[in-house]
PDB file of N, CA and C in Angstrom:
ATOM      1  N   MET A   1      77.676  65.290  74.715  1.00  0.00           N
ATOM      2  CA  MET A   1      78.213  64.051  75.224  1.00  0.00           C
ATOM      3  C   MET A   1      78.469  64.240  76.719  1.00  0.00           C
ATOM      4  N   GLU A   2      77.873  63.416  77.513  1.00  0.00           N
ATOM      5  CA  GLU A   2      78.037  63.514  78.962  1.00  0.00           C
ATOM      6  C   GLU A   2      79.168  62.601  79.410  1.00  0.00           C
ATOM      7  N   THR A   3      79.995  63.096  80.290  1.00  0.00           N
ATOM      8  CA  THR A   3      81.114  62.310  80.799  1.00  0.00           C
ATOM      9  C   THR A   3      80.586  61.203  81.701  1.00  0.00           C
ATOM     10  N   ASP A   4      81.010  59.984  81.412  1.00  0.00           N
ATOM     11  CA  ASP A   4      80.525  58.860  82.212  1.00  0.00           C
ATOM     12  C   ASP A   4      81.370  58.665  83.470  1.00  0.00           C
ATOM     13  N   VAL A   5      80.869  57.851  84.351  1.00  0.00           N
ATOM     14  CA  VAL A   5      81.550  57.627  85.631  1.00  0.00           C
ATOM     15  C   VAL A   5      82.903  56.954  85.445  1.00  0.00           C
ATOM     16  N   TYR A   6      83.061  56.168  84.374  1.00  0.00           N
ATOM     17  CA  TYR A   6      84.328  55.489  84.133  1.00  0.00           C
ATOM     18  C   TYR A   6      85.432  56.480  83.760  1.00  0.00           C
ATOM     19  N   THR A   7      85.089  57.492  82.979  1.00  0.00           N
ATOM     20  CA  THR A   7      86.069  58.521  82.623  1.00  0.00           C
ATOM     21  C   THR A   7      86.538  59.247  83.876  1.00  0.00           C
ATOM     22  N   LYS A   8      85.611  59.614  84.744  1.00  0.00           N
ATOM     23  CA  LYS A   8      85.972  60.309  85.983  1.00  0.00           C
ATOM     24  C   LYS A   8      86.778  59.395  86.905  1.00  0.00           C
ATOM     25  N   ALA A   9      86.434  58.120  86.938  1.00  0.00           N
ATOM     26  CA  ALA A   9      87.162  57.180  87.782  1.00  0.00           C
ATOM     27  C   ALA A   9      88.605  56.995  87.293  1.00  0.00           C
ATOM     28  N   MET A  10      88.798  56.984  85.974  1.00  0.00           N
ATOM     29  CA  MET A  10      90.128  56.766  85.416  1.00  0.00           C
ATOM     30  C   MET A  10      90.991  58.030  85.422  1.00  0.00           C
ATOM     31  N   PHE A  11      90.366  59.205  85.200  1.00  0.00           N
ATOM     32  CA  PHE A  11      91.147  60.419  84.977  1.00  0.00           C
ATOM     33  C   PHE A  11      90.933  61.506  86.021  1.00  0.00           C
ATOM     34  N   GLY A  12      90.063  61.285  86.998  1.00  0.00           N
ATOM     35  CA  GLY A  12      89.848  62.261  88.060  1.00  0.00           C
ATOM     36  C   GLY A  12      88.477  62.915  87.988  1.00  0.00           C
ATOM     37  N   CYS A  13      88.077  63.511  89.094  1.00  0.00           N
ATOM     38  CA  CYS A  13      86.722  64.050  89.216  1.00  0.00           C
ATOM     39  C   CYS A  13      86.446  65.232  88.285  1.00  0.00           C
ATOM     40  N   ASN A  14      87.484  65.923  87.787  1.00  0.00           N
ATOM     41  CA  ASN A  14      87.281  67.063  86.896  1.00  0.00           C
ATOM     42  C   ASN A  14      87.408  66.704  85.420  1.00  0.00           C
ATOM     43  N   ALA A  15      87.666  65.438  85.111  1.00  0.00           N
ATOM     44  CA  ALA A  15      87.827  65.021  83.718  1.00  0.00           C
ATOM     45  C   ALA A  15      86.500  65.084  82.972  1.00  0.00           C
ATOM     46  N   ILE A  16      86.592  65.499  81.702  1.00  0.00           N
ATOM     47  CA  ILE A  16      85.421  65.515  80.839  1.00  0.00           C
ATOM     48  C   ILE A  16      85.784  64.898  79.493  1.00  0.00           C
ATOM     49  N   GLN A  17      84.818  64.249  78.874  1.00  0.00           N
ATOM     50  CA  GLN A  17      84.996  63.690  77.539  1.00  0.00           C
ATOM     51  C   GLN A  17      84.247  64.592  76.575  1.00  0.00           C
ATOM     52  N   VAL A  18      84.945  65.041  75.519  1.00  0.00           N
ATOM     53  CA  VAL A  18      84.362  65.991  74.584  1.00  0.00           C
ATOM     54  C   VAL A  18      84.641  65.561  73.149  1.00  0.00           C
ATOM     55  N   PRO A  19      83.744  65.926  72.211  1.00  0.00           N
ATOM     56  CA  PRO A  19      84.076  65.707  70.804  1.00  0.00           C
ATOM     57  C   PRO A  19      85.218  66.641  70.422  1.00  0.00           C
ATOM     58  N   LEU A  20      86.117  66.181  69.571  1.00  0.00           N
ATOM     59  CA  LEU A  20      87.276  66.986  69.200  1.00  0.00           C
ATOM     60  C   LEU A  20      87.569  66.822  67.719  1.00  0.00           C
ATOM     61  N   ASN A  21      87.563  67.920  67.001  1.00  0.00           N
ATOM     62  CA  ASN A  21      88.015  67.953  65.618  1.00  0.00           C
ATOM     63  C   ASN A  21      89.330  68.714  65.635  1.00  0.00           C
ATOM     64  N   LEU A  22      90.384  68.099  65.141  1.00  0.00           N
ATOM     65  CA  LEU A  22      91.724  68.637  65.299  1.00  0.00           C
ATOM     66  C   LEU A  22      92.475  68.561  63.981  1.00  0.00           C
ATOM     67  N   ILE A  23      93.102  69.677  63.584  1.00  0.00           N
ATOM     68  CA  ILE A  23      94.004  69.688  62.441  1.00  0.00           C
ATOM     69  C   ILE A  23      95.417  69.751  63.007  1.00  0.00           C
ATOM     70  N   VAL A  24      96.250  68.798  62.618  1.00  0.00           N
ATOM     71  CA  VAL A  24      97.595  68.672  63.149  1.00  0.00           C
ATOM     72  C   VAL A  24      98.609  69.015  62.057  1.00  0.00           C
ATOM     73  N   GLN A  25      99.627  69.792  62.416  1.00  0.00           N
ATOM     74  CA  GLN A  25     100.710  70.144  61.491  1.00  0.00           C
ATOM     75  C   GLN A  25     102.031  70.071  62.231  1.00  0.00           C
ATOM     76  N   PRO A  26     102.976  69.246  61.761  1.00  0.00           N
ATOM     77  CA  PRO A  26     104.279  69.193  62.416  1.00  0.00           C
ATOM     78  C   PRO A  26     105.003  70.525  62.289  1.00  0.00           C
ATOM     79  N   VAL A  27     105.712  70.924  63.339  1.00  0.00           N
ATOM     80  CA  VAL A  27     106.465  72.167  63.333  1.00  0.00           C
ATOM     81  C   VAL A  27     107.917  71.911  62.945  1.00  0.00           C
ATOM     82  N   ASN A  28     108.403  70.713  63.240  1.00  0.00           N
ATOM     83  CA  ASN A  28     109.782  70.401  62.891  1.00  0.00           C
ATOM     84  C   ASN A  28     109.849  69.029  62.238  1.00  0.00           C
ATOM     85  N   GLU A  29     110.981  68.704  61.662  1.00  0.00           N
ATOM     86  CA  GLU A  29     111.113  67.464  60.894  1.00  0.00           C
ATOM     87  C   GLU A  29     110.961  66.210  61.738  1.00  0.00           C
ATOM     88  N   SER A  30     111.275  66.296  63.012  1.00  0.00           N
ATOM     89  CA  SER A  30     111.169  65.108  63.855  1.00  0.00           C
ATOM     90  C   SER A  30     109.752  64.915  64.400  1.00  0.00           C
ATOM     91  N   ASN A  31     108.840  65.841  64.062  1.00  0.00           N
ATOM     92  CA  ASN A  31     107.441  65.766  64.501  1.00  0.00           C
ATOM     93  C   ASN A  31     107.294  65.774  66.011  1.00  0.00           C
ATOM     94  N   THR A  32     108.272  66.315  66.745  1.00  0.00           N
ATOM     95  CA  THR A  32     108.149  66.325  68.195  1.00  0.00           C
ATOM     96  C   THR A  32     107.316  67.496  68.692  1.00  0.00           C
ATOM     97  N   LYS A  33     107.082  68.490  67.831  1.00  0.00           N
ATOM     98  CA  LYS A  33     106.215  69.602  68.208  1.00  0.00           C
ATOM     99  C   LYS A  33     105.167  69.746  67.115  1.00  0.00           C
ATOM    100  N   VAL A  34     103.922  69.757  67.505  1.00  0.00           N
ATOM    101  CA  VAL A  34     102.817  69.780  66.567  1.00  0.00           C
ATOM    102  C   VAL A  34     101.908  70.931  66.930  1.00  0.00           C
ATOM    103  N   THR A  35     101.424  71.657  65.940  1.00  0.00           N
ATOM    104  CA  THR A  35     100.460  72.710  66.214  1.00  0.00           C
ATOM    105  C   THR A  35      99.074  72.215  65.848  1.00  0.00           C
ATOM    106  N   GLY A  36      98.113  72.748  66.494  1.00  0.00           N
ATOM    107  CA  GLY A  36      96.719  72.443  66.249  1.00  0.00           C
ATOM    108  C   GLY A  36      95.941  73.450  67.050  1.00  0.00           C
ATOM    109  N   ILE A  37      95.004  72.972  67.835  1.00  0.00           N
ATOM    110  CA  ILE A  37      94.291  73.884  68.713  1.00  0.00           C
ATOM    111  C   ILE A  37      94.958  73.949  70.079  1.00  0.00           C
ATOM    112  N   PHE A  38      96.140  73.389  70.176  1.00  0.00           N
ATOM    113  CA  PHE A  38      96.862  73.349  71.444  1.00  0.00           C
ATOM    114  C   PHE A  38      98.315  73.694  71.186  1.00  0.00           C
ATOM    115  N   GLN A  39      99.037  73.878  72.231  1.00  0.00           N
ATOM    116  CA  GLN A  39     100.473  74.094  72.126  1.00  0.00           C
ATOM    117  C   GLN A  39     101.149  73.069  73.008  1.00  0.00           C
ATOM    118  N   GLY A  40     102.069  72.345  72.471  1.00  0.00           N
ATOM    119  CA  GLY A  40     102.733  71.347  73.283  1.00  0.00           C
ATOM    120  C   GLY A  40     103.941  70.753  72.594  1.00  0.00           C
ATOM    121  N   GLN A  41     104.746  70.074  73.362  1.00  0.00           N
ATOM    122  CA  GLN A  41     105.923  69.412  72.826  1.00  0.00           C
ATOM    123  C   GLN A  41     106.145  68.146  73.636  1.00  0.00           C
ATOM    124  N   HIS A  42     106.324  67.034  72.948  1.00  0.00           N
ATOM    125  CA  HIS A  42     106.513  65.756  73.613  1.00  0.00           C
ATOM    126  C   HIS A  42     107.085  64.785  72.586  1.00  0.00           C
ATOM    127  N   PRO A  43     107.953  63.867  72.992  1.00  0.00           N
ATOM    128  CA  PRO A  43     108.528  62.920  72.029  1.00  0.00           C
ATOM    129  C   PRO A  43     107.491  62.078  71.291  1.00  0.00           C
ATOM    130  N   ASN A  44     106.308  61.899  71.862  1.00  0.00           N
ATOM    131  CA  ASN A  44     105.286  61.066  71.231  1.00  0.00           C
ATOM    132  C   ASN A  44     104.322  61.844  70.348  1.00  0.00           C
ATOM    133  N   MET A  45     104.582  63.124  70.106  1.00  0.00           N
ATOM    134  CA  MET A  45     103.668  63.920  69.287  1.00  0.00           C
ATOM    135  C   MET A  45     103.523  63.363  67.869  1.00  0.00           C
ATOM    136  N   ALA A  46     104.545  62.685  67.369  1.00  0.00           N
ATOM    137  CA  ALA A  46     104.479  62.112  66.024  1.00  0.00           C
ATOM    138  C   ALA A  46     103.315  61.142  65.889  1.00  0.00           C
ATOM    139  N   GLN A  47     102.883  60.555  66.989  1.00  0.00           N
ATOM    140  CA  GLN A  47     101.748  59.639  66.939  1.00  0.00           C
ATOM    141  C   GLN A  47     100.485  60.335  66.442  1.00  0.00           C
ATOM    142  N   MET A  48     100.403  61.641  66.654  1.00  0.00           N
ATOM    143  CA  MET A  48      99.216  62.378  66.210  1.00  0.00           C
ATOM    144  C   MET A  48      99.166  62.516  64.692  1.00  0.00           C
ATOM    145  N   MET A  49     100.263  62.183  63.997  1.00  0.00           N
ATOM    146  CA  MET A  49     100.269  62.194  62.533  1.00  0.00           C
ATOM    147  C   MET A  49      99.818  60.847  61.969  1.00  0.00           C
ATOM    148  N   PHE A  50      99.708  59.837  62.808  1.00  0.00           N
ATOM    149  CA  PHE A  50      99.248  58.505  62.420  1.00  0.00           C
ATOM    150  C   PHE A  50      99.993  57.966  61.197  1.00  0.00           C
ATOM    151  N   GLY A  51     101.303  58.250  61.139  1.00  0.00           N
ATOM    152  CA  GLY A  51     102.136  57.728  60.065  1.00  0.00           C
ATOM    153  C   GLY A  51     102.088  58.525  58.772  1.00  0.00           C
ATOM    154  N   SER A  52     101.295  59.575  58.698  1.00  0.00           N
ATOM    155  CA  SER A  52     101.172  60.368  57.476  1.00  0.00           C
ATOM    156  C   SER A  52     102.403  61.232  57.254  1.00  0.00           C
ATOM    157  N   LYS A  53     102.799  61.377  56.007  1.00  0.00           N
ATOM    158  CA  LYS A  53     103.885  62.277  55.627  1.00  0.00           C
ATOM    159  C   LYS A  53     103.320  63.563  55.008  1.00  0.00           C
ATOM    160  N   ARG A  54     102.002  63.712  55.016  1.00  0.00           N
ATOM    161  CA  ARG A  54     101.362  64.902  54.461  1.00  0.00           C
ATOM    162  C   ARG A  54     101.594  66.097  55.368  1.00  0.00           C
ATOM    163  N   THR A  55     101.295  67.297  54.869  1.00  0.00           N
ATOM    164  CA  THR A  55     101.483  68.522  55.637  1.00  0.00           C
ATOM    165  C   THR A  55     100.529  68.609  56.816  1.00  0.00           C
ATOM    166  N   HIS A  56      99.294  68.185  56.623  1.00  0.00           N
ATOM    167  CA  HIS A  56      98.273  68.282  57.664  1.00  0.00           C
ATOM    168  C   HIS A  56      97.539  66.958  57.809  1.00  0.00           C
ATOM    169  N   VAL A  57      97.059  66.710  59.013  1.00  0.00           N
ATOM    170  CA  VAL A  57      96.215  65.556  59.298  1.00  0.00           C
ATOM    171  C   VAL A  57      94.970  66.070  60.011  1.00  0.00           C
ATOM    172  N   LEU A  58      93.803  65.665  59.548  1.00  0.00           N
ATOM    173  CA  LEU A  58      92.529  66.011  60.185  1.00  0.00           C
ATOM    174  C   LEU A  58      92.088  64.826  61.027  1.00  0.00           C
ATOM    175  N   ILE A  59      91.866  65.073  62.316  1.00  0.00           N
ATOM    176  CA  ILE A  59      91.414  64.032  63.235  1.00  0.00           C
ATOM    177  C   ILE A  59      90.010  64.401  63.706  1.00  0.00           C
ATOM    178  N   LEU A  60      89.064  63.522  63.498  1.00  0.00           N
ATOM    179  CA  LEU A  60      87.710  63.683  64.012  1.00  0.00           C
ATOM    180  C   LEU A  60      87.522  62.612  65.069  1.00  0.00           C
ATOM    181  N   GLY A  61      87.239  63.009  66.285  1.00  0.00           N
ATOM    182  CA  GLY A  61      87.118  62.006  67.333  1.00  0.00           C
ATOM    183  C   GLY A  61      86.671  62.599  68.651  1.00  0.00           C
ATOM    184  N   ASP A  62      87.105  61.983  69.733  1.00  0.00           N
ATOM    185  CA  ASP A  62      86.785  62.421  71.077  1.00  0.00           C
ATOM    186  C   ASP A  62      88.089  62.578  71.857  1.00  0.00           C
ATOM    187  N   ALA A  63      88.025  63.375  72.902  1.00  0.00           N
ATOM    188  CA  ALA A  63      89.183  63.554  73.775  1.00  0.00           C
ATOM    189  C   ALA A  63      88.717  63.560  75.216  1.00  0.00           C
ATOM    190  N   VAL A  64      89.588  63.100  76.085  1.00  0.00           N
ATOM    191  CA  VAL A  64      89.352  63.231  77.516  1.00  0.00           C
ATOM    192  C   VAL A  64      90.236  64.374  77.985  1.00  0.00           C
ATOM    193  N   ILE A  65      89.622  65.390  78.548  1.00  0.00           N
ATOM    194  CA  ILE A  65      90.343  66.538  79.067  1.00  0.00           C
ATOM    195  C   ILE A  65      90.509  66.339  80.566  1.00  0.00           C
ATOM    196  N   ARG A  66      91.759  66.306  81.007  1.00  0.00           N
ATOM    197  CA  ARG A  66      92.073  66.176  82.431  1.00  0.00           C
ATOM    198  C   ARG A  66      92.781  67.460  82.854  1.00  0.00           C
ATOM    199  N   PRO A  67      92.010  68.432  83.312  1.00  0.00           N
ATOM    200  CA  PRO A  67      92.606  69.747  83.586  1.00  0.00           C
ATOM    201  C   PRO A  67      93.547  69.738  84.774  1.00  0.00           C
ATOM    202  N   ARG A  68      94.671  70.428  84.594  1.00  0.00           N
ATOM    203  CA  ARG A  68      95.602  70.681  85.683  1.00  0.00           C
ATOM    204  C   ARG A  68      95.405  72.080  86.227  1.00  0.00           C
ATOM    205  N   LEU A  69      94.998  73.001  85.355  1.00  0.00           N
ATOM    206  CA  LEU A  69      94.775  74.389  85.713  1.00  0.00           C
ATOM    207  C   LEU A  69      93.738  74.953  84.758  1.00  0.00           C
ATOM    208  N   VAL A  70      92.754  75.676  85.284  1.00  0.00           N
ATOM    209  CA  VAL A  70      91.726  76.317  84.455  1.00  0.00           C
ATOM    210  C   VAL A  70      91.636  77.774  84.889  1.00  0.00           C
ATOM    211  N   ILE A  71      91.802  78.693  83.909  1.00  0.00           N
ATOM    212  CA  ILE A  71      91.748  80.127  84.180  1.00  0.00           C
ATOM    213  C   ILE A  71      90.780  80.771  83.198  1.00  0.00           C
ATOM    214  N   GLY A  72      89.878  81.592  83.697  1.00  0.00           N
ATOM    215  CA  GLY A  72      88.971  82.355  82.841  1.00  0.00           C
ATOM    216  C   GLY A  72      89.472  83.783  82.715  1.00  0.00           C
ATOM    217  N   SER A  73      89.381  84.362  81.515  1.00  0.00           N
ATOM    218  CA  SER A  73      89.875  85.722  81.308  1.00  0.00           C
ATOM    219  C   SER A  73      89.189  86.360  80.108  1.00  0.00           C
ATOM    220  N   ASP A  74      89.174  87.672  80.088  1.00  0.00           N
ATOM    221  CA  ASP A  74      88.664  88.434  78.950  1.00  0.00           C
ATOM    222  C   ASP A  74      89.783  89.173  78.234  1.00  0.00           C
ATOM    223  N   HIS A  75      91.034  88.938  78.594  1.00  0.00           N
ATOM    224  CA  HIS A  75      92.128  89.757  78.077  1.00  0.00           C
ATOM    225  C   HIS A  75      92.392  89.575  76.586  1.00  0.00           C
ATOM    226  N   LEU A  76      91.859  88.540  75.964  1.00  0.00           N
ATOM    227  CA  LEU A  76      92.056  88.328  74.530  1.00  0.00           C
ATOM    228  C   LEU A  76      90.812  88.653  73.707  1.00  0.00           C
ATOM    229  N   THR A  77      89.844  89.314  74.320  1.00  0.00           N
ATOM    230  CA  THR A  77      88.632  89.697  73.604  1.00  0.00           C
ATOM    231  C   THR A  77      88.995  90.547  72.393  1.00  0.00           C
ATOM    232  N   GLY A  78      88.459  90.208  71.241  1.00  0.00           N
ATOM    233  CA  GLY A  78      88.729  90.950  70.016  1.00  0.00           C
ATOM    234  C   GLY A  78      89.883  90.406  69.201  1.00  0.00           C
ATOM    235  N   GLU A  79      90.667  89.508  69.777  1.00  0.00           N
ATOM    236  CA  GLU A  79      91.785  88.903  69.047  1.00  0.00           C
ATOM    237  C   GLU A  79      91.247  87.776  68.169  1.00  0.00           C
ATOM    238  N   GLY A  80      91.885  87.547  67.050  1.00  0.00           N
ATOM    239  CA  GLY A  80      91.520  86.438  66.179  1.00  0.00           C
ATOM    240  C   GLY A  80      92.135  85.143  66.650  1.00  0.00           C
ATOM    241  N   LEU A  81      91.667  84.035  66.087  1.00  0.00           N
ATOM    242  CA  LEU A  81      92.154  82.719  66.487  1.00  0.00           C
ATOM    243  C   LEU A  81      93.662  82.572  66.263  1.00  0.00           C
ATOM    244  N   THR A  82      94.179  83.111  65.171  1.00  0.00           N
ATOM    245  CA  THR A  82      95.615  83.014  64.902  1.00  0.00           C
ATOM    246  C   THR A  82      96.427  83.716  65.984  1.00  0.00           C
ATOM    247  N   SER A  83      95.987  84.892  66.374  1.00  0.00           N
ATOM    248  CA  SER A  83      96.686  85.643  67.418  1.00  0.00           C
ATOM    249  C   SER A  83      96.621  84.907  68.752  1.00  0.00           C
ATOM    250  N   ILE A  84      95.461  84.376  69.082  1.00  0.00           N
ATOM    251  CA  ILE A  84      95.307  83.650  70.339  1.00  0.00           C
ATOM    252  C   ILE A  84      96.188  82.404  70.349  1.00  0.00           C
ATOM    253  N   ALA A  85      96.191  81.656  69.243  1.00  0.00           N
ATOM    254  CA  ALA A  85      97.002  80.440  69.170  1.00  0.00           C
ATOM    255  C   ALA A  85      98.495  80.757  69.194  1.00  0.00           C
ATOM    256  N   SER A  86      98.883  81.885  68.605  1.00  0.00           N
ATOM    257  CA  SER A  86     100.299  82.243  68.529  1.00  0.00           C
ATOM    258  C   SER A  86     100.831  82.872  69.812  1.00  0.00           C
ATOM    259  N   PHE A  87     100.020  83.736  70.436  1.00  0.00           N
ATOM    260  CA  PHE A  87     100.520  84.527  71.554  1.00  0.00           C
ATOM    261  C   PHE A  87      99.714  84.363  72.839  1.00  0.00           C
ATOM    262  N   GLY A  88      98.716  83.502  72.836  1.00  0.00           N
ATOM    263  CA  GLY A  88      97.812  83.411  73.969  1.00  0.00           C
ATOM    264  C   GLY A  88      98.283  82.586  75.148  1.00  0.00           C
ATOM    265  N   PHE A  89      99.379  81.849  74.987  1.00  0.00           N
ATOM    266  CA  PHE A  89      99.860  81.001  76.073  1.00  0.00           C
ATOM    267  C   PHE A  89     100.900  81.761  76.889  1.00  0.00           C
ATOM    268  N   ASP A  90     100.409  82.679  77.729  1.00  0.00           N
ATOM    269  CA  ASP A  90     101.343  83.501  78.489  1.00  0.00           C
ATOM    270  C   ASP A  90     100.835  83.771  79.898  1.00  0.00           C
ATOM    271  N   ARG A  91     101.612  84.466  80.646  1.00  0.00           N
ATOM    272  CA  ARG A  91     101.343  84.776  82.059  1.00  0.00           C
ATOM    273  C   ARG A  91     100.112  85.660  82.243  1.00  0.00           C
ATOM    274  N   LYS A  92      99.702  86.397  81.206  1.00  0.00           N
ATOM    275  CA  LYS A  92      98.575  87.314  81.329  1.00  0.00           C
ATOM    276  C   LYS A  92      97.293  86.605  81.760  1.00  0.00           C
ATOM    277  N   TRP A  93      97.163  85.334  81.432  1.00  0.00           N
ATOM    278  CA  TRP A  93      95.985  84.584  81.875  1.00  0.00           C
ATOM    279  C   TRP A  93      95.875  84.648  83.397  1.00  0.00           C
ATOM    280  N   ALA A  94      96.981  84.385  84.062  1.00  0.00           N
ATOM    281  CA  ALA A  94      96.980  84.384  85.527  1.00  0.00           C
ATOM    282  C   ALA A  94      96.884  85.798  86.081  1.00  0.00           C
ATOM    283  N   ASP A  95      97.546  86.746  85.430  1.00  0.00           N
ATOM    284  CA  ASP A  95      97.560  88.124  85.917  1.00  0.00           C
ATOM    285  C   ASP A  95      96.217  88.830  85.747  1.00  0.00           C
ATOM    286  N   LYS A  96      95.501  88.525  84.674  1.00  0.00           N
ATOM    287  CA  LYS A  96      94.267  89.249  84.356  1.00  0.00           C
ATOM    288  C   LYS A  96      93.007  88.405  84.479  1.00  0.00           C
ATOM    289  N   GLY A  97      93.156  87.137  84.850  1.00  0.00           N
ATOM    290  CA  GLY A  97      92.009  86.245  84.875  1.00  0.00           C
ATOM    291  C   GLY A  97      91.655  85.739  86.258  1.00  0.00           C
ATOM    292  N   ASP A  98      90.694  84.845  86.275  1.00  0.00           N
ATOM    293  CA  ASP A  98      90.236  84.200  87.502  1.00  0.00           C
ATOM    294  C   ASP A  98      90.637  82.733  87.462  1.00  0.00           C
ATOM    295  N   ILE A  99      91.278  82.270  88.517  1.00  0.00           N
ATOM    296  CA  ILE A  99      91.613  80.852  88.595  1.00  0.00           C
ATOM    297  C   ILE A  99      90.350  80.098  88.975  1.00  0.00           C
ATOM    298  N   ILE A 100      89.931  79.227  88.086  1.00  0.00           N
ATOM    299  CA  ILE A 100      88.710  78.449  88.291  1.00  0.00           C
ATOM    300  C   ILE A 100      89.042  77.121  88.968  1.00  0.00           C
ATOM    301  N   LEU A 101      90.151  76.517  88.550  1.00  0.00           N
ATOM    302  CA  LEU A 101      90.553  75.227  89.099  1.00  0.00           C
ATOM    303  C   LEU A 101      92.072  75.170  89.136  1.00  0.00           C
ATOM    304  N   ALA A 102      92.627  74.887  90.296  1.00  0.00           N
ATOM    305  CA  ALA A 102      94.079  74.752  90.454  1.00  0.00           C
ATOM    306  C   ALA A 102      94.365  73.673  91.481  1.00  0.00           C
ATOM    307  N   PRO A 103      95.477  72.969  91.323  1.00  0.00           N
ATOM    308  CA  PRO A 103      95.868  72.024  92.368  1.00  0.00           C
ATOM    309  C   PRO A 103      96.012  72.757  93.694  1.00  0.00           C
ATOM    310  N   SER A 104      95.615  72.142  94.775  1.00  0.00           N
ATOM    311  CA  SER A 104      95.613  72.811  96.075  1.00  0.00           C
ATOM    312  C   SER A 104      96.999  73.203  96.560  1.00  0.00           C
ATOM    313  N   ASP A 105      98.040  72.531  96.072  1.00  0.00           N
ATOM    314  CA  ASP A 105      99.389  72.850  96.536  1.00  0.00           C
ATOM    315  C   ASP A 105     100.164  73.701  95.529  1.00  0.00           C
ATOM    316  N   TRP A 106      99.450  74.322  94.602  1.00  0.00           N
ATOM    317  CA  TRP A 106     100.105  75.078  93.543  1.00  0.00           C
ATOM    318  C   TRP A 106      99.707  76.541  93.635  1.00  0.00           C
ATOM    319  N   GLU A 107     100.682  77.428  93.472  1.00  0.00           N
ATOM    320  CA  GLU A 107     100.407  78.849  93.499  1.00  0.00           C
ATOM    321  C   GLU A 107     100.944  79.506  92.239  1.00  0.00           C
ATOM    322  N   ILE A 108     100.275  80.560  91.806  1.00  0.00           N
ATOM    323  CA  ILE A 108     100.739  81.331  90.654  1.00  0.00           C
ATOM    324  C   ILE A 108     101.621  82.442  91.166  1.00  0.00           C
TER     325      ILE A 108
END
């Protein structure tokens, strides 16, 4: 799927539209933190459950990725997906990787 000019116009020159298959699981009763292929917390995370009270929700669709920071690294080579999802969101990305895209006024 190629990102069209409208996506870039709305979300910035680095935005891309990608197919996304996502399994969502609430972490707490208020559904404010949800696990999937991402890590995040926001009051609107419950919307990703689409009203379901089930343990998991499978979403097949598309996403627009608007990167704020992109870092390439090999420091998790050999780790499984569970380990990466559980422990991969840390400072080591910046310490051991290459910054591919960063806001011009931002420093690590």
